Amino acid sequence: KNFDLIFLDGFSPQKCPEVWSLEFLSKLTNKLK
């Protein structure tokens, strides 16, 4: 499953950096068409 659209709408990076890390963004990039 790769995606036409990925919405990323977590709390801000300083409050919730887990979903803004280079490693997690890499996982999202790998799922993008």
All heavy atoms as atom14 arrays in JSON, in Angstrom:
{
  "sequence": "KNFDLIFLDGFSPQKCPEVWSLEFLSKLTNKLK",
  "atom14_mask": [
    [1, 1, 1, 1, 1, 1, 1, 1, 1, 0, 0, 0, 0, 0],
    [1, 1, 1, 1, 1, 1, 1, 1, 0, 0, 0, 0, 0, 0],
    [1, 1, 1, 1, 1, 1, 1, 1, 1, 1, 1, 0, 0, 0],
    [1, 1, 1, 1, 1, 1, 1, 1, 0, 0, 0, 0, 0, 0],
    [1, 1, 1, 1, 1, 1, 1, 1, 0, 0, 0, 0, 0, 0],
    [1, 1, 1, 1, 1, 1, 1, 1, 0, 0, 0, 0, 0, 0],
    [1, 1, 1, 1, 1, 1, 1, 1, 1, 1, 1, 0, 0, 0],
    [1, 1, 1, 1, 1, 1, 1, 1, 0, 0, 0, 0, 0, 0],
    [1, 1, 1, 1, 1, 1, 1, 1, 0, 0, 0, 0, 0, 0],
    [1, 1, 1, 1, 0, 0, 0, 0, 0, 0, 0, 0, 0, 0],
    [1, 1, 1, 1, 1, 1, 1, 1, 1, 1, 1, 0, 0, 0],
    [1, 1, 1, 1, 1, 1, 0, 0, 0, 0, 0, 0, 0, 0],
    [1, 1, 1, 1, 1, 1, 1, 0, 0, 0, 0, 0, 0, 0],
    [1, 1, 1, 1, 1, 1, 1, 1, 1, 0, 0, 0, 0, 0],
    [1, 1, 1, 1, 1, 1, 1, 1, 1, 0, 0, 0, 0, 0],
    [1, 1, 1, 1, 1, 1, 0, 0, 0, 0, 0, 0, 0, 0],
    [1, 1, 1, 1, 1, 1, 1, 0, 0, 0, 0, 0, 0, 0],
    [1, 1, 1, 1, 1, 1, 1, 1, 1, 0, 0, 0, 0, 0],
    [1, 1, 1, 1, 1, 1, 1, 0, 0, 0, 0, 0, 0, 0],
    [1, 1, 1, 1, 1, 1, 1, 1, 1, 1, 1, 1, 1, 1],
    [1, 1, 1, 1, 1, 1, 0, 0, 0, 0, 0, 0, 0, 0],
    [1, 1, 1, 1, 1, 1, 1, 1, 0, 0, 0, 0, 0, 0],
    [1, 1, 1, 1, 1, 1, 1, 1, 1, 0, 0, 0, 0, 0],
    [1, 1, 1, 1, 1, 1, 1, 1, 1, 1, 1, 0, 0, 0],
    [1, 1, 1, 1, 1, 1, 1, 1, 0, 0, 0, 0, 0, 0],
    [1, 1, 1, 1, 1, 1, 0, 0, 0, 0, 0, 0, 0, 0],
    [1, 1, 1, 1, 1, 1, 1, 1, 1, 0, 0, 0, 0, 0],
    [1, 1, 1, 1, 1, 1, 1, 1, 0, 0, 0, 0, 0, 0],
    [1, 1, 1, 1, 1, 1, 1, 0, 0, 0, 0, 0, 0, 0],
    [1, 1, 1, 1, 1, 1, 1, 1, 0, 0, 0, 0, 0, 0],
    [1, 1, 1, 1, 1, 1, 1, 1, 1, 0, 0, 0, 0, 0],
    [1, 1, 1, 1, 1, 1, 1, 1, 0, 0, 0, 0, 0, 0],
    [1, 1, 1, 1, 1, 1, 1, 1, 1, 0, 0, 0, 0, 0]
  ],
  "atom14_positions": [
    [[0.84, -1.2, 0.0], [0.0, 0.0, 0.0], [0.87, 1.25, 0.0], [1.55, 1.56, 0.99], [-0.92, 0.03, 1.23], [-1.85, -1.16, 1.37], [-2.98, -1.13, 0.36], [-3.99, -2.23, 0.66], [-5.09, -2.27, -0.32], [0.0, 0.0, 0.0], [0.0, 0.0, 0.0], [0.0, 0.0, 0.0], [0.0, 0.0, 0.0], [0.0, 0.0, 0.0]],
    [[0.87, 1.99, -1.11], [1.47, 3.31, -1.18], [0.37, 4.32, -1.47], [-0.66, 3.98, -2.06], [2.57, 3.36, -2.24], [3.81, 2.6, -1.81], [4.08, 2.47, -0.61], [4.56, 2.1, -2.76], [0.0, 0.0, 0.0], [0.0, 0.0, 0.0], [0.0, 0.0, 0.0], [0.0, 0.0, 0.0], [0.0, 0.0, 0.0], [0.0, 0.0, 0.0]],
    [[0.61, 5.59, -1.12], [-0.49, 6.53, -1.01], [-0.37, 7.72, -1.96], [0.71, 8.26, -2.17], [-0.59, 7.02, 0.43], [-0.94, 5.92, 1.39], [0.05, 5.18, 2.03], [-2.27, 5.57, 1.61], [-0.27, 4.14, 2.89], [-2.6, 4.53, 2.46], [-1.61, 3.81, 3.1], [0.0, 0.0, 0.0], [0.0, 0.0, 0.0], [0.0, 0.0, 0.0]],
    [[-1.55, 8.11, -2.47], [-1.66, 9.34, -3.27], [-1.58, 10.57, -2.38], [-1.05, 11.61, -2.78], [-2.99, 9.37, -4.02], [-3.15, 8.21, -4.98], [-2.47, 8.21, -6.02], [-3.95, 7.3, -4.67], [0.0, 0.0, 0.0], [0.0, 0.0, 0.0], [0.0, 0.0, 0.0], [0.0, 0.0, 0.0], [0.0, 0.0, 0.0], [0.0, 0.0, 0.0]],
    [[-2.13, 10.47, -1.18], [-2.15, 11.57, -0.22], [-1.77, 11.04, 1.15], [-2.31, 10.02, 1.6], [-3.54, 12.21, -0.14], [-4.07, 12.92, -1.37], [-5.55, 13.27, -1.18], [-3.27, 14.19, -1.66], [0.0, 0.0, 0.0], [0.0, 0.0, 0.0], [0.0, 0.0, 0.0], [0.0, 0.0, 0.0], [0.0, 0.0, 0.0], [0.0, 0.0, 0.0]],
    [[-0.87, 11.74, 1.81], [-0.57, 11.48, 3.21], [-0.78, 12.78, 3.98], [-0.15, 13.8, 3.66], [0.87, 10.98, 3.42], [1.07, 9.63, 2.72], [1.18, 10.85, 4.91], [2.5, 9.1, 2.82], [0.0, 0.0, 0.0], [0.0, 0.0, 0.0], [0.0, 0.0, 0.0], [0.0, 0.0, 0.0], [0.0, 0.0, 0.0], [0.0, 0.0, 0.0]],
    [[-1.69, 12.78, 4.95], [-1.9, 13.91, 5.83], [-1.13, 13.66, 7.12], [-1.28, 12.61, 7.75], [-3.39, 14.09, 6.18], [-4.29, 14.41, 5.02], [-5.65, 14.18, 5.09], [-3.79, 14.99, 3.86], [-6.5, 14.49, 4.05], [-4.63, 15.3, 2.8], [-5.99, 15.05, 2.89], [0.0, 0.0, 0.0], [0.0, 0.0, 0.0], [0.0, 0.0, 0.0]],
    [[-0.32, 14.63, 7.53], [0.43, 14.53, 8.79], [0.0, 15.7, 9.67], [0.34, 16.86, 9.39], [1.93, 14.56, 8.52], [2.85, 14.51, 9.75], [2.53, 13.33, 10.64], [4.32, 14.49, 9.31], [0.0, 0.0, 0.0], [0.0, 0.0, 0.0], [0.0, 0.0, 0.0], [0.0, 0.0, 0.0], [0.0, 0.0, 0.0], [0.0, 0.0, 0.0]],
    [[-0.73, 15.4, 10.76], [-1.4, 16.45, 11.52], [-1.27, 16.23, 13.03], [-2.23, 16.36, 13.78], [-2.88, 16.51, 11.11], [-3.55, 17.81, 11.53], [-2.82, 18.77, 11.85], [-4.79, 17.87, 11.53], [0.0, 0.0, 0.0], [0.0, 0.0, 0.0], [0.0, 0.0, 0.0], [0.0, 0.0, 0.0], [0.0, 0.0, 0.0], [0.0, 0.0, 0.0]],
    [[-0.05, 15.89, 13.47], [0.18, 15.72, 14.89], [0.33, 17.04, 15.62], [0.31, 18.12, 15.01], [0.0, 0.0, 0.0], [0.0, 0.0, 0.0], [0.0, 0.0, 0.0], [0.0, 0.0, 0.0], [0.0, 0.0, 0.0], [0.0, 0.0, 0.0], [0.0, 0.0, 0.0], [0.0, 0.0, 0.0], [0.0, 0.0, 0.0], [0.0, 0.0, 0.0]],
    [[0.47, 16.97, 16.92], [0.81, 18.16, 17.68], [2.18, 18.66, 17.22], [2.94, 17.94, 16.56], [0.8, 17.87, 19.18], [-0.57, 17.65, 19.75], [-1.01, 16.38, 20.11], [-1.45, 18.72, 19.91], [-2.29, 16.18, 20.62], [-2.73, 18.53, 20.42], [-3.15, 17.26, 20.77], [0.0, 0.0, 0.0], [0.0, 0.0, 0.0], [0.0, 0.0, 0.0]],
    [[2.53, 19.89, 17.55], [3.71, 20.54, 17.0], [4.99, 19.77, 17.37], [5.03, 19.04, 18.37], [3.81, 21.98, 17.51], [3.99, 22.0, 18.91], [0.0, 0.0, 0.0], [0.0, 0.0, 0.0], [0.0, 0.0, 0.0], [0.0, 0.0, 0.0], [0.0, 0.0, 0.0], [0.0, 0.0, 0.0], [0.0, 0.0, 0.0], [0.0, 0.0, 0.0]],
    [[6.05, 19.92, 16.56], [7.28, 19.15, 16.79], [7.88, 19.3, 18.18], [8.4, 18.33, 18.73], [8.23, 19.71, 15.72], [7.33, 20.13, 14.62], [6.1, 20.68, 15.3], [0.0, 0.0, 0.0], [0.0, 0.0, 0.0], [0.0, 0.0, 0.0], [0.0, 0.0, 0.0], [0.0, 0.0, 0.0], [0.0, 0.0, 0.0], [0.0, 0.0, 0.0]],
    [[7.81, 20.47, 18.76], [8.37, 20.66, 20.09], [7.54, 19.96, 21.17], [8.03, 19.7, 22.26], [8.49, 22.15, 20.41], [9.68, 22.83, 19.77], [11.0, 22.43, 20.44], [11.04, 22.0, 21.58], [12.1, 22.54, 19.71], [0.0, 0.0, 0.0], [0.0, 0.0, 0.0], [0.0, 0.0, 0.0], [0.0, 0.0, 0.0], [0.0, 0.0, 0.0]],
    [[6.28, 19.66, 20.87], [5.42, 19.0, 21.84], [5.32, 17.49, 21.6], [5.19, 16.71, 22.54], [4.01, 19.61, 21.78], [3.95, 21.11, 22.1], [4.33, 21.38, 23.54], [4.3, 22.87, 23.86], [2.94, 23.43, 23.85], [0.0, 0.0, 0.0], [0.0, 0.0, 0.0], [0.0, 0.0, 0.0], [0.0, 0.0, 0.0], [0.0, 0.0, 0.0]],
    [[5.4, 17.09, 20.34], [5.25, 15.67, 20.0], [6.24, 15.31, 18.89], [5.84, 15.01, 17.76], [3.81, 15.39, 19.56], [3.47, 13.64, 19.28], [0.0, 0.0, 0.0], [0.0, 0.0, 0.0], [0.0, 0.0, 0.0], [0.0, 0.0, 0.0], [0.0, 0.0, 0.0], [0.0, 0.0, 0.0], [0.0, 0.0, 0.0], [0.0, 0.0, 0.0]],
    [[7.53, 15.34, 19.2], [8.55, 15.13, 18.15], [8.55, 13.72, 17.56], [9.16, 13.5, 16.51], [9.85, 15.42, 18.89], [9.56, 15.11, 20.33], [8.14, 15.55, 20.52], [0.0, 0.0, 0.0], [0.0, 0.0, 0.0], [0.0, 0.0, 0.0], [0.0, 0.0, 0.0], [0.0, 0.0, 0.0], [0.0, 0.0, 0.0], [0.0, 0.0, 0.0]],
    [[7.88, 12.78, 18.21], [7.88, 11.39, 17.74], [7.43, 11.26, 16.29], [7.96, 10.43, 15.54], [6.97, 10.52, 18.61], [7.41, 10.42, 20.07], [6.75, 11.44, 20.98], [6.57, 12.61, 20.54], [6.4, 11.07, 22.11], [0.0, 0.0, 0.0], [0.0, 0.0, 0.0], [0.0, 0.0, 0.0], [0.0, 0.0, 0.0], [0.0, 0.0, 0.0]],
    [[6.43, 12.07, 15.88], [5.91, 11.93, 14.51], [6.57, 12.9, 13.53], [6.16, 12.98, 12.37], [4.37, 12.1, 14.47], [3.7, 11.0, 15.27], [3.94, 13.48, 14.96], [0.0, 0.0, 0.0], [0.0, 0.0, 0.0], [0.0, 0.0, 0.0], [0.0, 0.0, 0.0], [0.0, 0.0, 0.0], [0.0, 0.0, 0.0], [0.0, 0.0, 0.0]],
    [[7.59, 13.63, 14.01], [8.3, 14.57, 13.14], [9.77, 14.2, 13.0], [10.55, 14.97, 12.41], [8.17, 15.99, 13.7], [6.76, 16.42, 13.93], [6.11, 16.45, 15.13], [5.81, 16.85, 12.95], [4.83, 16.89, 14.97], [4.61, 17.15, 13.64], [5.87, 17.04, 11.56], [3.48, 17.6, 12.98], [4.73, 17.49, 10.91], [3.56, 17.76, 11.62]],
    [[10.16, 13.07, 13.53], [11.57, 12.68, 13.46], [11.95, 12.31, 12.03], [11.1, 11.93, 11.21], [11.85, 11.49, 14.39], [11.29, 10.3, 13.85], [0.0, 0.0, 0.0], [0.0, 0.0, 0.0], [0.0, 0.0, 0.0], [0.0, 0.0, 0.0], [0.0, 0.0, 0.0], [0.0, 0.0, 0.0], [0.0, 0.0, 0.0], [0.0, 0.0, 0.0]],
    [[13.23, 12.41, 11.75], [13.74, 12.01, 10.44], [13.38, 10.56, 10.14], [12.99, 10.22, 9.01], [15.26, 12.2, 10.4], [15.98, 11.79, 9.13], [15.52, 12.63, 7.95], [17.5, 11.9, 9.31], [0.0, 0.0, 0.0], [0.0, 0.0, 0.0], [0.0, 0.0, 0.0], [0.0, 0.0, 0.0], [0.0, 0.0, 0.0], [0.0, 0.0, 0.0]],
    [[13.44, 9.72, 11.15], [13.17, 8.3, 10.95], [11.7, 8.03, 10.62], [11.4, 7.24, 9.72], [13.58, 7.51, 12.2], [15.08, 7.46, 12.44], [15.65, 8.75, 13.05], [14.86, 9.61, 13.49], [16.89, 8.88, 13.08], [0.0, 0.0, 0.0], [0.0, 0.0, 0.0], [0.0, 0.0, 0.0], [0.0, 0.0, 0.0], [0.0, 0.0, 0.0]],
    [[10.78, 8.72, 11.32], [9.37, 8.5, 11.02], [9.01, 9.12, 9.67], [8.24, 8.54, 8.89], [8.48, 9.05, 12.12], [7.02, 8.74, 11.9], [6.55, 7.45, 12.04], [6.13, 9.73, 11.52], [5.21, 7.14, 11.81], [4.79, 9.44, 11.3], [4.33, 8.14, 11.44], [0.0, 0.0, 0.0], [0.0, 0.0, 0.0], [0.0, 0.0, 0.0]],
    [[9.55, 10.29, 9.38], [9.29, 10.91, 8.08], [9.82, 10.03, 6.95], [9.24, 9.99, 5.86], [9.92, 12.3, 8.02], [9.29, 13.35, 8.93], [10.11, 14.65, 8.91], [7.84, 13.65, 8.53], [0.0, 0.0, 0.0], [0.0, 0.0, 0.0], [0.0, 0.0, 0.0], [0.0, 0.0, 0.0], [0.0, 0.0, 0.0], [0.0, 0.0, 0.0]],
    [[10.9, 9.32, 7.21], [11.42, 8.38, 6.22], [10.42, 7.27, 5.95], [10.21, 6.86, 4.8], [12.75, 7.79, 6.7], [13.24, 6.82, 5.81], [0.0, 0.0, 0.0], [0.0, 0.0, 0.0], [0.0, 0.0, 0.0], [0.0, 0.0, 0.0], [0.0, 0.0, 0.0], [0.0, 0.0, 0.0], [0.0, 0.0, 0.0], [0.0, 0.0, 0.0]],
    [[9.78, 6.78, 7.01], [8.76, 5.74, 6.83], [7.59, 6.25, 6.0], [7.06, 5.53, 5.13], [8.27, 5.25, 8.19], [9.31, 4.46, 8.99], [8.75, 4.03, 10.33], [9.79, 3.28, 11.16], [10.13, 1.98, 10.57], [0.0, 0.0, 0.0], [0.0, 0.0, 0.0], [0.0, 0.0, 0.0], [0.0, 0.0, 0.0], [0.0, 0.0, 0.0]],
    [[7.19, 7.5, 6.25], [6.1, 8.08, 5.47], [6.51, 8.26, 4.01], [5.73, 7.97, 3.09], [5.67, 9.42, 6.06], [5.0, 9.4, 7.43], [4.58, 10.8, 7.83], [3.8, 8.45, 7.45], [0.0, 0.0, 0.0], [0.0, 0.0, 0.0], [0.0, 0.0, 0.0], [0.0, 0.0, 0.0], [0.0, 0.0, 0.0], [0.0, 0.0, 0.0]],
    [[7.72, 8.75, 3.8], [8.21, 8.95, 2.44], [8.21, 7.64, 1.66], [7.87, 7.6, 0.47], [9.63, 9.55, 2.47], [9.59, 10.81, 3.15], [10.16, 9.78, 1.06], [0.0, 0.0, 0.0], [0.0, 0.0, 0.0], [0.0, 0.0, 0.0], [0.0, 0.0, 0.0], [0.0, 0.0, 0.0], [0.0, 0.0, 0.0], [0.0, 0.0, 0.0]],
    [[8.55, 6.56, 2.33], [8.56, 5.25, 1.69], [7.16, 4.76, 1.32], [7.02, 3.84, 0.51], [9.23, 4.22, 2.59], [10.72, 4.43, 2.71], [11.35, 5.05, 1.84], [11.32, 3.93, 3.79], [0.0, 0.0, 0.0], [0.0, 0.0, 0.0], [0.0, 0.0, 0.0], [0.0, 0.0, 0.0], [0.0, 0.0, 0.0], [0.0, 0.0, 0.0]],
    [[6.13, 5.37, 1.92], [4.75, 4.98, 1.62], [4.09, 5.93, 0.62], [2.9, 5.77, 0.31], [3.91, 4.95, 2.91], [4.4, 4.0, 3.99], [4.45, 2.56, 3.51], [3.08, 1.98, 3.31], [3.13, 0.55, 2.9], [0.0, 0.0, 0.0], [0.0, 0.0, 0.0], [0.0, 0.0, 0.0], [0.0, 0.0, 0.0], [0.0, 0.0, 0.0]],
    [[4.83, 6.9, 0.1], [4.27, 7.9, -0.8], [4.47, 7.47, -2.25], [5.58, 7.09, -2.65], [4.95, 9.26, -0.56], [4.38, 10.48, -1.27], [2.98, 10.79, -0.77], [5.3, 11.69, -1.04], [0.0, 0.0, 0.0], [0.0, 0.0, 0.0], [0.0, 0.0, 0.0], [0.0, 0.0, 0.0], [0.0, 0.0, 0.0], [0.0, 0.0, 0.0]],
    [[3.41, 7.54, -3.04], [3.53, 7.23, -4.47], [4.44, 8.24, -5.16], [4.64, 9.36, -4.67], [2.15, 7.24, -5.13], [1.27, 6.06, -4.77], [-0.01, 6.09, -5.59], [-0.9, 4.88, -5.31], [-2.14, 4.91, -6.13], [0.0, 0.0, 0.0], [0.0, 0.0, 0.0], [0.0, 0.0, 0.0], [0.0, 0.0, 0.0], [0.0, 0.0, 0.0]]
  ]
}
